[in-house]
Amino acid sequence: MNPATINPVASRYFKFVYRTALDIVHLMVSYLGIAVLVAVLAAALLPAIRDQIRVIHQASLNALMPDSSVMSDRDLLTIFNAPHAHPGPEVPSPTASAQEQRDTALTREHDYTDEGFFANLGISDSQFTVPGLSNGQALALREYIARKFSIARNVTGALIRVVYSVAKKQDLDPILVLGVIAIESRYNPFAESHVGAQGLMQVMPKVHADKFLVFSGGTLSALNPVSNIQVGARILHDCIARRGSVDRGLGCYVGAIGPNDGGYADKVQAERRRIALESGIALGRNLGQYQ
C-alpha cells in the first residue's frame, strides 16, 4: 500500500477521535456546570424552605396540640378542646366592658363537654342532642352537613354543638353561622385564602389579632376550630350590630365597603335556608334583632 494514501486516512481518523473527545469533554463540562448551579441554588433555597417547614410544623403543633409536649390518651381526646385563656383573674373585672366580660366567660367555659371537643365522638344517635333541637332535627342537621361536605358525622356533630353554644352567647342564629362556615371554608378547618383568611370562618388573624389574645396559641389559634368559631361569631355579631341588618352585616363580614357585596349575603342566606329545609328546622325571629 502506498504510504501517501495511509497518512490522509490516519489524519482523518485522529481528527475524528479528537473532535469526539472534545465534544465529550464539552458535554461533561456543561453537565458539571448545571450540577454546580443546582447545588448553589439548593444551598441558597434550602434554609428558607426549611424555615417555612418549621413554621408550618410549629403552627400546626400550637394550633392542635395541648401545652404538654407529651401526649397521653387523654390529650388525644382534647386536641380541639376549648382553648385555655392566658392566666388571669377567675372573674372578669367589674370595670370591664360587657363585651370583654362576655369574651372572658366564653373562653373560660367548656359548654361542649368537660372532656373536650372529641370526648363524645362515640355517642349513639339516640343520645345526640343539640340545645333547642329535637333529636330528629339534630340528626338531620348533622347528616346534611356531613354528607354535603364529606366530613365525619361524629366530628360534624361536635362542630354543630360548638356553633350552637357560641351563637347563643353572641345572640346569633346558629343556622346563619353554619351557613357562613359552608360558604367561607366548606367546613375545612385548615382552609386559607389568598389574602390570609384562615379556618372555618376565614378569619384574618393579622386584622383581628387582638381577639386571639385570650387564647394560648395567639393568632395561631385561628386554625383551631373552636377558637375560630368563637372569634368569627364575634366578628359577625359586631358587623350585624354595626350595619343594622343581617344581610348588610354579612357584607361587612366579607369586607364589602359599599352596598354591593358581590352576592355574598345571598349565598349565605341560600345555604342557611337549605340547611334549615334539610333539617326540618323552622327559621324564625327568635333571637332578637339578629334574624
Protein backbone atom coordinates (compact mmCIF):
# COMPACT_ATOMS: atom_id res chain seq x y z
CA MET A 1 0.00 0.00 0.00
CA ASN A 2 1.21 3.45 -0.83
CA PRO A 3 2.21 5.39 2.34
CA ALA A 4 0.87 8.51 0.72
CA THR A 5 -2.65 7.02 0.91
CA ILE A 6 -2.28 5.95 4.58
CA ASN A 7 -1.40 9.33 6.05
CA PRO A 8 -4.62 11.09 4.96
CA VAL A 9 -6.73 8.23 6.37
CA ALA A 10 -4.86 8.27 9.68
CA SER A 11 -5.11 12.03 9.80
CA ARG A 12 -8.87 11.94 9.31
CA TYR A 13 -9.18 9.21 11.96
CA PHE A 14 -7.22 11.18 14.54
CA LYS A 15 -9.18 14.32 13.73
CA PHE A 16 -12.42 12.38 14.27
CA VAL A 17 -11.20 10.99 17.60
CA TYR A 18 -10.04 14.43 18.69
CA ARG A 19 -13.39 16.08 17.82
CA THR A 20 -15.32 13.30 19.58
CA ALA A 21 -13.19 13.61 22.70
CA LEU A 22 -13.59 17.38 22.61
CA ASP A 23 -17.39 17.04 22.33
CA ILE A 24 -17.45 14.63 25.26
CA VAL A 25 -15.35 16.97 27.40
CA HIS A 26 -17.58 19.90 26.43
CA LEU A 27 -20.69 17.90 27.35
CA MET A 28 -19.18 16.88 30.68
CA VAL A 29 -18.26 20.47 31.47
CA SER A 30 -21.82 21.58 30.60
CA TYR A 31 -23.36 19.00 32.91
CA LEU A 32 -20.87 19.85 35.60
CA GLY A 33 -21.85 23.49 35.31
CA ILE A 34 -25.54 22.60 35.64
CA ALA A 35 -24.76 20.44 38.66
CA VAL A 36 -22.84 23.29 40.30
CA LEU A 37 -25.69 25.72 39.56
CA VAL A 38 -28.27 23.34 41.09
CA ALA A 39 -26.06 22.85 44.14
CA VAL A 40 -25.69 26.62 44.61
CA LEU A 41 -29.44 27.19 44.24
CA ALA A 42 -30.20 24.36 46.64
CA ALA A 43 -27.78 25.74 49.20
CA ALA A 44 -29.45 29.15 48.89
CA LEU A 45 -33.06 27.93 48.99
CA LEU A 46 -32.95 25.01 51.42
CA PRO A 47 -32.61 27.17 54.55
CA ALA A 48 -35.66 29.21 53.54
CA ILE A 49 -37.63 26.07 52.72
CA ARG A 50 -36.55 24.50 55.99
CA ASP A 51 -37.65 27.61 57.89
CA GLN A 52 -41.04 27.53 56.17
CA ILE A 53 -41.48 23.86 57.03
CA ARG A 54 -40.51 24.62 60.62
CA VAL A 55 -43.02 27.49 60.81
CA ILE A 56 -45.81 25.35 59.37
CA HIS A 57 -44.91 22.49 61.69
CA GLN A 58 -44.86 24.77 64.74
CA ALA A 59 -48.11 26.43 63.73
CA SER A 60 -49.78 23.05 63.44
CA LEU A 61 -48.45 21.97 66.83
CA ASN A 62 -49.51 25.19 68.52
CA ALA A 63 -52.96 25.06 66.97
CA LEU A 64 -53.67 21.41 67.51
CA MET A 65 -51.65 20.25 70.47
CA PRO A 66 -52.18 20.90 74.16
CA ASP A 67 -49.45 22.72 76.04
CA SER A 68 -47.73 19.50 77.16
CA SER A 69 -45.14 18.13 74.75
CA VAL A 70 -46.02 14.53 75.71
CA MET A 71 -49.43 13.37 74.55
CA SER A 72 -51.37 10.88 76.63
CA ASP A 73 -54.56 9.11 75.55
CA ARG A 74 -56.49 11.82 77.37
CA ASP A 75 -54.55 14.50 75.47
CA LEU A 76 -55.65 12.94 72.20
CA LEU A 77 -59.26 13.48 73.25
CA THR A 78 -58.70 17.17 73.99
CA ILE A 79 -56.79 18.32 70.92
CA PHE A 80 -59.61 20.64 69.91
CA ASN A 81 -60.75 21.48 73.40
CA ALA A 82 -61.94 25.00 74.11
CA PRO A 83 -58.61 26.90 74.28
CA HIS A 84 -57.29 27.89 77.68
CA ALA A 85 -57.13 31.58 78.34
CA HIS A 86 -53.92 33.15 79.48
CA PRO A 87 -53.57 33.26 83.27
CA GLY A 88 -55.72 35.98 84.71
CA PRO A 89 -58.46 36.65 87.24
CA GLU A 90 -61.07 33.94 87.60
CA VAL A 91 -63.84 36.51 87.40
CA PRO A 92 -63.82 39.44 84.93
CA SER A 93 -63.11 42.81 86.44
CA PRO A 94 -66.26 44.81 87.29
CA THR A 95 -64.83 47.67 85.24
CA ALA A 96 -64.53 45.51 82.11
CA SER A 97 -66.91 46.23 79.26
CA ALA A 98 -69.87 43.93 78.62
CA GLN A 99 -68.11 42.54 75.53
CA GLU A 100 -64.89 41.85 77.48
CA GLN A 101 -66.83 40.09 80.24
CA ARG A 102 -68.66 38.02 77.66
CA ASP A 103 -65.42 37.07 75.89
CA THR A 104 -63.76 36.11 79.18
CA ALA A 105 -66.69 33.88 80.08
CA LEU A 106 -66.72 32.48 76.56
CA THR A 107 -63.12 31.29 76.73
CA ARG A 108 -63.39 30.03 80.32
CA GLU A 109 -66.48 27.86 79.94
CA HIS A 110 -66.47 24.39 78.43
CA ASP A 111 -70.04 24.10 77.25
CA TYR A 112 -69.46 21.22 74.87
CA THR A 113 -68.17 18.57 77.33
CA ASP A 114 -65.72 18.58 80.20
CA GLU A 115 -63.52 16.21 78.22
CA GLY A 116 -63.23 18.44 75.19
CA PHE A 117 -64.12 18.59 71.53
CA PHE A 118 -63.60 14.89 70.78
CA ALA A 119 -64.87 13.47 74.08
CA ASN A 120 -68.26 12.21 72.89
CA LEU A 121 -67.44 11.07 69.38
CA GLY A 122 -68.79 7.63 70.25
CA ILE A 123 -72.18 8.88 71.37
CA SER A 124 -75.13 6.97 69.89
CA ASP A 125 -77.62 8.61 67.53
CA SER A 126 -80.38 8.32 70.13
CA GLN A 127 -78.25 10.30 72.62
CA PHE A 128 -77.08 13.00 70.18
CA THR A 129 -78.64 16.26 71.32
CA VAL A 130 -78.31 19.92 70.38
CA PRO A 131 -79.92 22.57 72.62
CA GLY A 132 -83.14 23.84 71.09
CA LEU A 133 -83.47 20.99 68.57
CA SER A 134 -85.29 17.69 68.68
CA ASN A 135 -83.22 14.56 68.30
CA GLY A 136 -84.58 14.12 64.77
CA GLN A 137 -83.67 17.68 63.78
CA ALA A 138 -80.20 17.37 65.28
CA LEU A 139 -79.54 14.11 63.42
CA ALA A 140 -80.90 15.52 60.15
CA LEU A 141 -78.71 18.62 60.53
CA ARG A 142 -75.64 16.50 61.21
CA GLU A 143 -76.41 14.18 58.29
CA TYR A 144 -76.90 17.02 55.79
CA ILE A 145 -73.66 18.82 56.64
CA ALA A 146 -71.62 15.61 56.90
CA ARG A 147 -72.91 14.30 53.57
CA LYS A 148 -72.62 17.56 51.63
CA PHE A 149 -69.13 18.47 52.81
CA SER A 150 -67.76 14.92 53.19
CA ILE A 151 -66.76 15.12 56.85
CA ALA A 152 -67.13 12.53 59.61
CA ARG A 153 -70.57 12.54 61.23
CA ASN A 154 -69.27 12.46 64.79
CA VAL A 155 -66.97 15.44 64.15
CA THR A 156 -69.83 17.22 62.38
CA GLY A 157 -71.94 16.73 65.49
CA ALA A 158 -69.21 18.21 67.68
CA LEU A 159 -68.91 21.25 65.38
CA ILE A 160 -72.66 21.78 65.42
CA ARG A 161 -72.72 21.74 69.22
CA VAL A 162 -69.88 24.29 69.31
CA VAL A 163 -71.70 26.56 66.85
CA TYR A 164 -74.97 26.40 68.83
CA SER A 165 -73.18 27.19 72.09
CA VAL A 166 -71.17 30.09 70.67
CA ALA A 167 -74.05 31.52 68.60
CA LYS A 168 -76.27 31.64 71.68
CA LYS A 169 -73.66 33.75 73.52
CA GLN A 170 -73.31 36.10 70.55
CA ASP A 171 -77.10 36.40 70.01
CA LEU A 172 -76.79 34.89 66.53
CA ASP A 173 -78.84 32.36 64.64
CA PRO A 174 -76.75 29.14 64.71
CA ILE A 175 -78.01 28.19 61.23
CA LEU A 176 -76.68 31.52 59.96
CA VAL A 177 -73.24 30.73 61.41
CA LEU A 178 -73.34 27.25 59.86
CA GLY A 179 -74.20 28.91 56.54
CA VAL A 180 -71.25 31.28 56.82
CA ILE A 181 -68.91 28.35 57.51
CA ALA A 182 -70.31 26.50 54.48
CA ILE A 183 -69.66 29.43 52.14
CA GLU A 184 -66.35 30.52 53.66
CA SER A 185 -64.47 27.23 54.00
CA ARG A 186 -66.78 24.32 53.14
CA TYR A 187 -66.03 23.07 56.67
CA ASN A 188 -62.28 22.80 56.10
CA PRO A 189 -60.73 23.96 59.43
CA PHE A 190 -57.33 24.48 57.76
CA ALA A 191 -58.51 26.48 54.75
CA GLU A 192 -56.57 29.63 53.88
CA SER A 193 -57.46 32.24 51.27
CA HIS A 194 -55.04 34.11 49.02
CA VAL A 195 -55.30 37.11 51.37
CA GLY A 196 -54.53 35.10 54.50
CA ALA A 197 -58.00 34.44 55.91
CA GLN A 198 -57.90 31.18 57.85
CA GLY A 199 -60.03 28.44 59.29
CA LEU A 200 -63.70 27.53 59.27
CA MET A 201 -64.96 31.12 59.26
CA GLN A 202 -61.98 32.52 57.32
CA VAL A 203 -60.87 34.98 59.97
CA MET A 204 -57.94 37.31 59.21
CA PRO A 205 -55.52 36.66 62.12
CA LYS A 206 -53.46 39.80 61.47
CA VAL A 207 -56.50 42.06 61.29
CA HIS A 208 -58.16 40.54 64.37
CA ALA A 209 -55.03 39.72 66.37
CA ASP A 210 -56.49 41.39 69.48
CA LYS A 211 -59.39 38.93 69.53
CA PHE A 212 -56.97 36.00 69.70
CA LEU A 213 -55.03 37.33 72.69
CA VAL A 214 -57.21 35.36 75.11
CA PHE A 215 -56.14 32.07 73.52
CA SER A 216 -52.89 30.35 74.45
CA GLY A 217 -51.96 29.96 70.78
CA GLY A 218 -52.49 33.64 69.93
CA THR A 219 -53.20 34.19 66.22
CA LEU A 220 -52.22 30.58 65.51
CA SER A 221 -55.49 29.65 67.22
CA ALA A 222 -57.25 30.70 64.00
CA LEU A 223 -56.57 27.11 62.88
CA ASN A 224 -58.31 25.69 65.94
CA PRO A 225 -61.97 25.08 65.01
CA VAL A 226 -63.33 26.12 68.40
CA SER A 227 -61.28 29.32 68.61
CA ASN A 228 -62.04 30.17 65.01
CA ILE A 229 -65.79 29.83 65.52
CA GLN A 230 -65.65 31.94 68.68
CA VAL A 231 -63.76 34.78 67.01
CA GLY A 232 -65.67 34.54 63.72
CA ALA A 233 -69.03 34.65 65.51
CA ARG A 234 -67.95 37.71 67.49
CA ILE A 235 -66.88 39.48 64.28
CA LEU A 236 -70.19 38.57 62.62
CA HIS A 237 -72.14 39.80 65.65
CA ASP A 238 -70.26 43.11 65.61
CA CYS A 239 -70.80 43.52 61.85
CA ILE A 240 -74.54 42.93 62.13
CA ALA A 241 -74.83 45.31 65.09
CA ARG A 242 -72.84 47.96 63.22
CA ARG A 243 -74.72 47.66 59.91
CA GLY A 244 -78.17 47.12 61.43
CA SER A 245 -79.28 44.03 59.50
CA VAL A 246 -78.11 40.50 58.80
CA ASP A 247 -77.56 40.99 55.06
CA ARG A 248 -75.64 44.25 55.49
CA GLY A 249 -73.73 42.64 58.35
CA LEU A 250 -72.75 39.76 56.06
CA GLY A 251 -71.45 42.31 53.57
CA CYS A 252 -69.37 43.83 56.35
CA TYR A 253 -68.12 40.38 57.34
CA VAL A 254 -66.87 39.64 53.82
CA GLY A 255 -65.20 43.04 53.65
CA ALA A 256 -67.61 44.86 51.33
CA ILE A 257 -67.41 48.60 51.88
CA GLY A 258 -70.50 49.64 49.92
CA PRO A 259 -73.91 48.05 49.41
CA ASN A 260 -72.59 45.61 46.78
CA ASP A 261 -71.14 42.52 48.42
CA GLY A 262 -70.81 40.50 45.23
CA GLY A 263 -73.76 38.30 46.15
CA TYR A 264 -72.15 37.03 49.35
CA ALA A 265 -75.18 37.63 51.58
CA ASP A 266 -77.45 35.89 49.08
CA LYS A 267 -75.15 32.84 49.02
CA VAL A 268 -75.06 32.59 52.82
CA GLN A 269 -78.82 33.08 53.14
CA ALA A 270 -79.47 30.48 50.45
CA GLU A 271 -77.28 27.96 52.26
CA ARG A 272 -78.97 28.88 55.54
CA ARG A 273 -82.37 28.10 54.02
CA ARG A 274 -81.10 24.82 52.56
CA ILE A 275 -79.70 23.75 55.95
CA ALA A 276 -82.99 24.59 57.66
CA LEU A 277 -85.06 22.83 54.98
CA GLU A 278 -82.93 19.66 55.01
CA SER A 279 -83.00 19.57 58.81
CA GLY A 280 -86.67 20.42 59.33
CA ILE A 281 -85.74 23.48 61.40
CA ALA A 282 -88.06 26.47 61.19
CA LEU A 283 -86.34 29.79 60.58
CA GLY A 284 -87.90 32.38 62.85
CA ARG A 285 -87.18 35.63 64.60
CA ASN A 286 -86.44 34.06 67.96
CA LEU A 287 -83.03 35.61 68.51
CA GLY A 288 -83.84 39.29 68.73
CA GLN A 289 -82.81 41.75 66.06
CA TYR A 290 -80.23 39.44 64.51
CA GLN A 291 -82.64 37.36 62.49
